[in-house]
Protein backbone atom coordinates (compact mmCIF):
# COMPACT_ATOMS: atom_id res chain seq x y z
CA MET A 1 -111.37 -60.38 -43.92
CA SER A 2 -113.94 -59.66 -46.66
CA GLU A 3 -117.55 -59.16 -45.58
CA ALA A 4 -118.95 -60.42 -48.86
CA LEU A 5 -118.99 -63.82 -50.51
CA ALA A 6 -117.89 -64.17 -54.13
CA ALA A 7 -119.35 -66.81 -56.44
CA ALA A 8 -116.45 -69.18 -55.72
CA ASP A 9 -117.02 -68.71 -51.97
CA LEU A 10 -120.71 -69.55 -52.36
CA VAL A 11 -119.95 -72.68 -54.38
CA ARG A 12 -117.53 -73.84 -51.68
CA LEU A 13 -120.06 -73.02 -48.97
CA VAL A 14 -122.92 -74.94 -50.61
CA SER A 15 -120.59 -77.85 -51.40
CA ARG A 16 -119.39 -78.05 -47.80
CA VAL A 17 -122.76 -77.53 -46.12
CA PHE A 18 -124.94 -79.75 -48.34
CA LYS A 19 -122.52 -82.04 -50.23
CA PRO A 20 -124.82 -82.05 -53.30
CA ALA A 21 -125.26 -85.47 -54.91
CA ALA A 22 -126.76 -86.75 -58.15
CA ALA A 23 -130.27 -86.79 -56.68
CA ASP A 24 -130.08 -83.07 -55.85
CA LYS A 25 -131.39 -80.98 -58.73
CA GLY A 26 -132.42 -77.68 -57.20
CA LEU A 27 -131.45 -75.16 -54.53
CA ALA A 28 -133.97 -72.62 -53.23
CA ILE A 29 -133.16 -69.41 -51.41
CA ILE A 30 -136.26 -68.34 -49.47
CA VAL A 31 -136.60 -64.70 -48.40
CA ASP A 32 -139.28 -63.10 -46.24
CA LEU A 33 -140.70 -59.62 -46.80
CA PRO A 34 -141.87 -56.82 -44.50
CA ASP A 35 -145.56 -55.95 -44.36
CA GLU A 36 -148.03 -53.88 -42.38
CA ARG A 37 -147.40 -56.05 -39.29
CA LEU A 38 -143.60 -55.92 -39.36
CA ALA A 39 -141.80 -52.89 -40.73
CA ASP A 40 -138.60 -53.00 -42.70
CA ASN A 41 -135.20 -52.18 -41.21
CA PRO A 42 -131.78 -51.52 -42.76
CA ASP A 43 -130.34 -54.96 -41.93
CA TRP A 44 -133.37 -56.69 -43.41
CA ALA A 45 -133.16 -54.58 -46.58
CA ALA A 46 -129.46 -55.36 -46.93
CA ARG A 47 -130.13 -59.08 -46.39
CA ARG A 48 -132.65 -59.13 -49.23
CA ILE A 49 -130.11 -57.55 -51.56
CA MET A 50 -127.54 -60.12 -50.41
CA ALA A 51 -129.94 -63.04 -50.93
CA ALA A 52 -130.87 -61.92 -54.44
CA GLY A 53 -127.18 -61.52 -55.24
CA TRP A 54 -126.46 -65.01 -53.94
CA GLY A 55 -129.20 -66.32 -56.21
CA ASP A 56 -127.69 -64.63 -59.25
CA MET A 57 -124.17 -65.86 -58.48
CA LEU A 58 -125.23 -69.41 -57.74
CA ASP A 59 -127.39 -69.51 -60.87
CA GLY A 60 -124.28 -68.66 -62.87
CA ALA A 61 -122.32 -71.44 -61.13
CA LYS A 62 -124.99 -74.13 -60.77
CA GLU A 63 -123.17 -76.51 -63.11
CA ASP A 64 -120.22 -76.48 -60.70
CA LEU A 65 -122.60 -77.84 -58.06
CA GLY A 66 -124.26 -80.35 -60.36
CA LEU A 67 -127.63 -78.57 -60.01
CA ASP A 68 -130.25 -77.81 -62.65
CA ARG A 69 -131.97 -74.88 -60.99
CA ILE A 70 -131.44 -72.09 -58.48
CA THR A 71 -134.62 -70.36 -57.30
CA VAL A 72 -135.05 -67.24 -55.17
CA ALA A 73 -138.51 -67.48 -53.60
CA TRP A 74 -140.09 -64.51 -51.82
CA TYR A 75 -142.88 -64.63 -49.24
CA ARG A 76 -144.81 -62.48 -46.78
CA ASN A 77 -143.13 -62.80 -43.37
CA ALA A 78 -144.65 -65.37 -41.04
CA GLY A 79 -145.45 -62.84 -38.32
CA GLY A 80 -143.13 -64.25 -35.67
CA ASN A 81 -139.93 -66.18 -35.19
CA ASN A 82 -140.47 -69.88 -35.92
CA ALA A 83 -144.11 -69.41 -36.86
CA ASP A 84 -145.44 -71.54 -39.71
CA LEU A 85 -144.63 -70.38 -43.23
CA PRO A 86 -147.46 -69.04 -45.40
CA ALA A 87 -148.94 -71.45 -47.91
CA THR A 88 -147.26 -69.96 -50.97
CA CYS A 89 -144.17 -68.14 -52.17
CA ALA A 90 -143.27 -66.31 -55.38
CA PRO A 91 -140.22 -67.47 -57.36
CA ILE A 92 -138.84 -64.22 -58.79
CA PRO A 93 -135.31 -64.16 -60.24
CA GLY A 94 -133.22 -61.06 -60.80
CA GLU A 95 -135.20 -58.68 -58.59
CA VAL A 96 -135.05 -57.36 -55.04
CA LEU A 97 -138.49 -56.95 -53.53
CA ALA A 98 -139.11 -54.30 -50.88
CA HIS A 99 -142.50 -55.21 -49.39
CA ALA A 100 -145.00 -58.05 -49.29
CA ASP A 101 -147.38 -55.89 -51.33
CA ASP A 102 -144.92 -56.32 -54.22
CA LEU A 103 -146.12 -59.94 -54.45
CA ALA A 104 -149.52 -58.81 -55.75
CA GLY A 105 -150.14 -60.11 -59.25
CA ARG A 106 -147.08 -62.35 -59.22
CA ASP A 107 -147.20 -66.05 -60.00
CA THR A 108 -147.08 -68.04 -56.80
CA LEU A 109 -146.09 -71.57 -55.90
CA PRO A 110 -147.09 -73.64 -52.89
CA PHE A 111 -144.15 -74.09 -50.55
CA ALA A 112 -144.83 -77.83 -50.69
CA ASP A 113 -144.20 -77.79 -54.45
CA LEU A 114 -141.04 -75.72 -54.02
CA PHE A 115 -139.71 -78.27 -51.54
CA GLU A 116 -140.55 -81.16 -53.87
CA SER A 117 -138.40 -79.68 -56.64
CA HIS A 118 -135.61 -78.19 -54.52
CA SER A 119 -133.89 -80.56 -52.10
CA LEU A 120 -131.48 -77.88 -50.86
CA VAL A 121 -132.82 -74.77 -49.09
CA LEU A 122 -131.05 -71.68 -47.79
CA ALA A 123 -133.15 -69.34 -45.64
CA PRO A 124 -131.47 -65.95 -45.03
CA THR A 125 -134.58 -64.45 -43.46
CA GLU A 126 -135.53 -61.75 -40.97
CA LEU A 127 -137.74 -64.07 -38.91
CA SER A 128 -136.45 -67.52 -38.13
CA ALA A 129 -137.84 -70.26 -40.38
CA THR A 130 -136.02 -73.01 -38.49
CA ALA A 131 -139.08 -74.54 -36.85
CA PRO A 132 -141.28 -74.85 -39.97
CA LEU A 133 -138.34 -76.11 -42.04
CA LYS A 134 -137.51 -78.75 -39.42
CA VAL A 135 -141.09 -79.89 -39.84
CA ALA A 136 -140.93 -79.69 -43.66
CA VAL A 137 -137.86 -81.93 -43.96
CA ARG A 138 -139.87 -84.72 -42.33
CA ASP A 139 -142.30 -84.71 -45.26
CA HIS A 140 -140.07 -83.87 -48.22
CA ALA A 141 -136.79 -85.21 -49.60
CA MET A 142 -134.88 -82.07 -48.66
CA ARG A 143 -132.53 -80.44 -46.22
CA ALA A 144 -132.26 -76.83 -45.12
CA ALA A 145 -129.79 -74.34 -43.67
CA THR A 146 -131.53 -71.49 -41.88
CA MET A 147 -129.86 -68.08 -41.50
CA PRO A 148 -132.30 -65.82 -39.61
CA GLY A 149 -130.90 -62.36 -39.05
CA PHE A 150 -127.74 -63.14 -41.01
CA LEU A 151 -125.39 -60.17 -41.30
CA PRO A 152 -122.19 -59.60 -43.28
CA SER A 153 -120.38 -59.46 -39.93
CA MET A 154 -121.12 -63.19 -39.55
CA ILE A 155 -119.32 -64.26 -42.72
CA SER A 156 -116.17 -65.03 -40.73
CA ALA A 157 -118.22 -67.66 -38.87
CA LEU A 158 -118.78 -69.45 -42.18
CA ARG A 159 -115.04 -69.93 -42.62
CA ILE A 160 -114.05 -71.67 -39.36
CA ASP A 161 -113.04 -75.33 -39.00
CA TYR A 162 -116.42 -77.07 -39.04
CA ALA A 163 -114.83 -80.49 -38.75
CA GLU A 164 -113.67 -79.44 -35.27
CA VAL A 165 -117.03 -77.80 -34.55
CA ASN A 166 -118.78 -81.07 -35.40
CA ARG A 167 -116.38 -83.04 -33.20
CA ARG A 168 -117.21 -80.82 -30.24
CA VAL A 169 -120.97 -80.81 -30.63
CA ASP A 170 -120.94 -84.60 -31.05
CA LEU A 171 -119.03 -84.94 -27.76
CA LEU A 172 -121.57 -82.74 -26.01
CA LYS A 173 -124.45 -84.72 -27.50
CA ASP A 174 -123.02 -87.94 -26.05
CA LEU A 175 -122.77 -86.32 -22.62
CA VAL A 176 -126.29 -84.86 -22.72
CA ASP A 177 -127.84 -88.09 -24.00
CA GLY A 178 -126.34 -89.90 -21.02
CA ALA A 179 -127.75 -87.39 -18.54
CA THR A 180 -131.05 -87.40 -16.72
CA GLY A 181 -130.77 -83.82 -15.53
CA ALA A 182 -128.79 -80.60 -15.71
CA VAL A 183 -128.21 -78.12 -12.89
CA VAL A 184 -127.52 -74.54 -13.96
CA THR A 185 -126.20 -72.27 -11.21
CA THR A 186 -126.12 -68.56 -11.96
CA ARG A 187 -125.11 -65.52 -9.92
CA VAL A 188 -126.62 -62.04 -9.94
CA GLY A 189 -124.80 -59.64 -7.66
CA GLY A 190 -123.97 -61.73 -4.62
CA THR A 191 -126.93 -64.10 -4.93
CA GLU A 192 -126.82 -67.51 -6.57
CA HIS A 193 -129.81 -69.09 -8.29
CA GLU A 194 -130.17 -72.78 -9.14
CA LEU A 195 -132.26 -74.25 -11.93
CA ARG A 196 -132.63 -78.00 -12.36
CA LEU A 197 -133.65 -79.11 -15.84
CA ASP A 198 -135.23 -82.52 -16.38
CA LEU A 199 -133.46 -84.23 -19.31
CA ARG A 200 -135.31 -87.52 -19.17
CA HIS A 201 -137.12 -88.95 -22.20
CA ASN A 202 -135.68 -86.56 -24.82
CA THR A 203 -132.66 -86.94 -27.09
CA ALA A 204 -130.13 -84.20 -27.82
CA HIS A 205 -129.36 -82.83 -31.26
CA ALA A 206 -125.87 -81.96 -32.52
CA SER A 207 -125.90 -79.04 -34.96
CA GLY A 208 -122.53 -78.45 -36.55
CA GLY A 209 -123.61 -76.48 -39.61
CA LEU A 210 -123.37 -79.43 -42.03
CA PHE A 211 -126.43 -80.97 -43.69
CA PRO A 212 -125.21 -83.66 -46.09
CA VAL A 213 -128.34 -85.85 -46.04
CA ASN A 214 -132.05 -85.19 -46.41
CA GLY A 215 -134.19 -84.90 -43.32
CA ALA A 216 -131.96 -82.35 -41.59
CA ALA A 217 -132.52 -78.64 -40.98
CA GLY A 218 -130.68 -76.24 -38.75
CA ASN A 219 -128.84 -72.97 -38.43
CA LEU A 220 -125.92 -71.76 -40.49
CA PRO A 221 -123.54 -70.70 -39.07
CA SER A 222 -123.95 -73.26 -36.32
CA GLY A 223 -122.12 -74.98 -33.53
CA GLU A 224 -124.33 -76.20 -30.71
CA THR A 225 -125.82 -79.21 -29.02
CA TYR A 226 -129.37 -78.69 -27.83
CA VAL A 227 -132.09 -80.65 -26.10
CA VAL A 228 -135.69 -80.01 -25.10
CA PRO A 229 -136.07 -80.39 -21.33
CA TYR A 230 -138.81 -82.90 -20.52
CA GLU A 231 -142.08 -80.98 -20.56
CA GLY A 232 -144.22 -83.37 -18.53
CA ASN A 233 -146.26 -84.48 -21.53
CA LEU A 234 -146.34 -88.17 -20.51
CA GLU A 235 -149.36 -89.07 -18.41
CA GLY A 236 -148.54 -89.56 -14.75
CA ASP A 237 -144.94 -88.38 -15.16
CA PRO A 238 -144.58 -84.64 -14.36
CA SER A 239 -141.51 -82.68 -15.36
CA LEU A 240 -138.93 -82.24 -12.61
CA SER A 241 -137.58 -78.97 -14.04
CA ALA A 242 -137.71 -76.39 -11.25
CA GLY A 243 -135.81 -73.54 -9.67
CA GLU A 244 -134.93 -69.96 -10.54
CA LEU A 245 -133.73 -68.49 -13.83
CA PRO A 246 -132.47 -64.91 -14.22
CA VAL A 247 -132.56 -63.17 -17.61
CA GLN A 248 -131.15 -59.69 -18.18
CA PHE A 249 -133.19 -57.20 -20.20
CA GLU A 250 -131.19 -53.99 -20.67
CA ASP A 251 -130.22 -52.92 -17.12
CA GLU A 252 -132.85 -55.04 -15.36
CA VAL A 253 -132.53 -58.69 -14.40
CA VAL A 254 -135.85 -60.53 -14.49
CA LEU A 255 -135.98 -63.53 -12.15
CA TYR A 256 -138.40 -66.30 -13.09
CA ARG A 257 -139.62 -69.05 -10.78
CA ILE A 258 -139.74 -72.33 -12.68
CA GLU A 259 -142.01 -75.26 -11.82
CA GLY A 260 -142.86 -78.21 -14.04
CA ASN A 261 -140.61 -76.80 -16.79
CA LYS A 262 -142.60 -73.55 -17.01
CA ALA A 263 -142.06 -70.03 -15.77
CA VAL A 264 -144.91 -69.69 -13.31
CA ALA A 265 -144.03 -66.38 -11.64
CA VAL A 266 -141.65 -63.43 -11.77
CA LEU A 267 -139.87 -62.77 -8.49
CA SER A 268 -138.19 -59.49 -9.45
CA GLU A 269 -139.54 -55.96 -9.77
CA GLY A 270 -139.29 -53.39 -12.52
CA PRO A 271 -140.87 -52.58 -15.89
CA HIS A 272 -139.39 -55.60 -17.66
CA SER A 273 -140.42 -57.86 -14.79
CA GLU A 274 -143.98 -56.55 -14.99
CA ARG A 275 -144.06 -57.11 -18.73
CA GLU A 276 -142.71 -60.66 -18.47
CA ALA A 277 -145.11 -61.54 -15.65
CA LYS A 278 -148.01 -60.47 -17.85
CA TYR A 279 -146.55 -62.32 -20.84
CA ILE A 280 -146.27 -65.68 -19.08
CA ALA A 281 -149.78 -65.25 -17.68
CA ASP A 282 -151.34 -64.28 -21.01
CA GLU A 283 -149.33 -66.70 -23.19
CA PRO A 284 -148.62 -69.89 -21.22
CA ALA A 285 -146.93 -71.56 -24.20
CA TYR A 286 -144.25 -68.84 -24.10
CA ALA A 287 -143.53 -69.79 -20.47
CA ASN A 288 -142.37 -73.27 -21.55
CA LEU A 289 -138.63 -73.93 -21.24
CA SER A 290 -138.08 -75.28 -24.74
CA GLU A 291 -134.31 -75.71 -25.05
CA LEU A 292 -131.08 -76.16 -23.19
CA GLY A 293 -128.45 -75.13 -25.73
CA LEU A 294 -124.70 -75.59 -25.52
CA GLY A 295 -122.85 -73.42 -28.03
CA VAL A 296 -119.17 -73.93 -28.81
CA LEU A 297 -118.24 -71.11 -31.20
CA GLY A 298 -116.97 -68.83 -28.44
CA ASP A 299 -113.83 -70.95 -28.37
CA PHE A 300 -113.14 -70.10 -32.02
CA GLY A 301 -112.58 -66.41 -31.37
CA LEU A 302 -116.01 -65.29 -32.54
CA LYS A 303 -117.82 -62.47 -30.76
CA PRO A 304 -121.52 -61.60 -30.53
CA VAL A 305 -122.94 -59.40 -33.26
CA GLY A 306 -126.34 -58.69 -31.72
CA THR A 307 -128.21 -61.34 -33.72
CA ILE A 308 -129.36 -64.57 -32.11
CA LEU A 309 -128.32 -66.72 -35.10
CA LEU A 310 -124.67 -66.35 -34.13
CA ASP A 311 -124.84 -65.17 -30.53
CA GLU A 312 -126.59 -68.29 -29.19
CA LYS A 313 -123.83 -70.49 -30.66
CA LEU A 314 -121.19 -68.79 -28.50
CA GLY A 315 -122.12 -70.46 -25.20
CA LEU A 316 -124.91 -71.59 -22.90
CA HIS A 317 -128.45 -70.58 -23.83
CA ILE A 318 -131.93 -71.43 -22.59
CA ALA A 319 -135.03 -70.86 -24.68
CA PHE A 320 -138.70 -70.17 -24.01
CA GLY A 321 -141.66 -71.15 -26.17
CA ARG A 322 -142.15 -73.52 -29.10
CA SER A 323 -140.40 -76.90 -28.95
CA ASP A 324 -142.11 -79.29 -31.37
CA HIS A 325 -139.51 -78.62 -34.08
CA PHE A 326 -136.87 -79.96 -31.65
CA GLY A 327 -138.91 -83.02 -30.69
CA GLY A 328 -140.87 -81.39 -27.85
CA SER A 329 -144.61 -81.06 -27.36
CA VAL A 330 -145.32 -77.30 -27.52
CA ALA A 331 -146.53 -76.43 -31.02
CA PRO A 332 -148.03 -73.38 -32.79
CA GLY A 333 -151.54 -74.48 -31.84
CA ASP A 334 -150.66 -74.01 -28.17
CA PHE A 335 -150.27 -70.25 -28.67
CA SER A 336 -153.11 -67.76 -28.73
CA SER A 337 -152.57 -66.90 -32.42
CA PRO A 338 -150.09 -67.59 -35.25
CA ASP A 339 -148.49 -64.18 -34.65
CA ALA A 340 -147.83 -65.12 -31.00
CA VAL A 341 -145.76 -68.22 -31.84
CA VAL A 342 -142.22 -67.81 -30.57
CA HIS A 343 -139.07 -69.71 -29.72
CA ILE A 344 -136.70 -67.24 -28.13
CA ASP A 345 -133.22 -67.93 -26.78
CA ARG A 346 -131.63 -66.24 -23.76
CA VAL A 347 -127.86 -66.32 -24.16
CA TYR A 348 -125.60 -66.53 -21.11
CA ILE A 349 -122.37 -64.85 -22.17
CA PRO A 350 -120.95 -61.67 -20.60
CA GLU A 351 -121.43 -59.50 -23.69
CA VAL A 352 -125.15 -60.33 -23.78
CA GLN A 353 -126.00 -60.62 -20.07
CA PRO A 354 -123.17 -58.86 -18.21
CA ASP A 355 -124.92 -58.94 -14.84
CA VAL A 356 -125.63 -62.70 -14.92
CA THR A 357 -122.73 -65.11 -14.39
CA VAL A 358 -122.92 -68.84 -15.14
CA VAL A 359 -121.28 -70.27 -12.04
CA SER A 360 -121.55 -73.88 -13.16
CA LEU A 361 -123.37 -76.34 -15.38
CA ILE A 362 -123.52 -79.90 -14.02
CA LEU A 363 -124.93 -82.92 -15.80
CA GLU A 364 -126.47 -85.62 -13.62
CA SER A 365 -126.69 -89.26 -14.66
CA PRO A 366 -127.00 -92.68 -13.00
CA ALA A 367 -123.20 -92.77 -13.07
CA GLY A 368 -122.89 -89.57 -11.05
CA LYS A 369 -122.36 -85.86 -11.66
CA ARG A 370 -120.07 -84.12 -14.14
CA GLU A 371 -119.37 -80.40 -14.24
CA ILE A 372 -118.98 -79.32 -17.85
CA MET A 373 -118.97 -75.53 -17.37
CA ARG A 374 -117.42 -73.33 -14.69
CA ASP A 375 -117.53 -69.52 -14.69
CA GLY A 376 -118.92 -69.55 -18.20
CA GLU A 377 -116.10 -71.68 -19.66
CA TRP A 378 -116.13 -75.31 -20.78
CA THR A 379 -114.23 -77.51 -18.35
CA GLY A 380 -112.19 -80.27 -19.93
CA VAL A 381 -114.96 -81.47 -22.22
CA PHE A 382 -113.02 -81.25 -25.48
């Protein structure tokens, strides 16, 4: 299967993802640039070429979409995944920029103005812009598909049956919304670890890669239901999330002790364990468990490509860090600096964490318990 999208493919993709209507006049493709803080890499360079090419092709086919304008807008990278966007961007057609210094002397536009004139946004970026765009769609008549780390190897994931993907994530949302807790049992070697996540107070989100109405922003490709575990932000009502969570880093499994929905200690030993123990001590907002994610794309024959955009959609994942963009309470101001803001997913599939097995995932509700995952596979949910 081709690893490039032709103009006709892009028109079909935008039509399917956004369903442009008469009120939609503009589509913006926003692209971040390397700088002195974050060096370039070959995938990033190739993505910028791809994004500029998409802009050219869509500009030539905008009448087919009923749009007046296609804009490629470049900006200095935000410094970290899901950190706030800079104040301005530079709409520059027909060029591929190599570095943020190339923005010097260019005409700039506030992002707020870009969003006012472009109700459709594609974000094939190096650093995830999902969090700030989820915030932006609350204030502007727009919707956004975020594609952080997108690679040509993911194009096959844009061609699957998204009607079925949406059916599955909607089913999972109904189950999660009816639950008060989730129990994740994992195994490392011969030892099992149990983590109980408090699902009270928060509502799940179904992300099926379709954004037909304003006010929505999420990943493309997509295929997950996700929820912020209750973080204990209501006075007098602490979070009940507690237990142990293993995460594999290279050949080492780091074991976190969770209390009150935060990683409060590291129980394992090794260089990665030492680093993570220091990280959660120095940056308490990172220690927040910010997402329980249930990805469904593994059932569609897709395999991990080494980029979180796709890999997290393949199965169970649990995230640390920022949560306000999902309806939680941990925001950029809770971190020590803008560059420290992070929302990072840990994906529990064999190709990503081969030494950690998901024994089971059980949802608890007033009606009882329901096992929805066993040995890393969905159990009769769909």
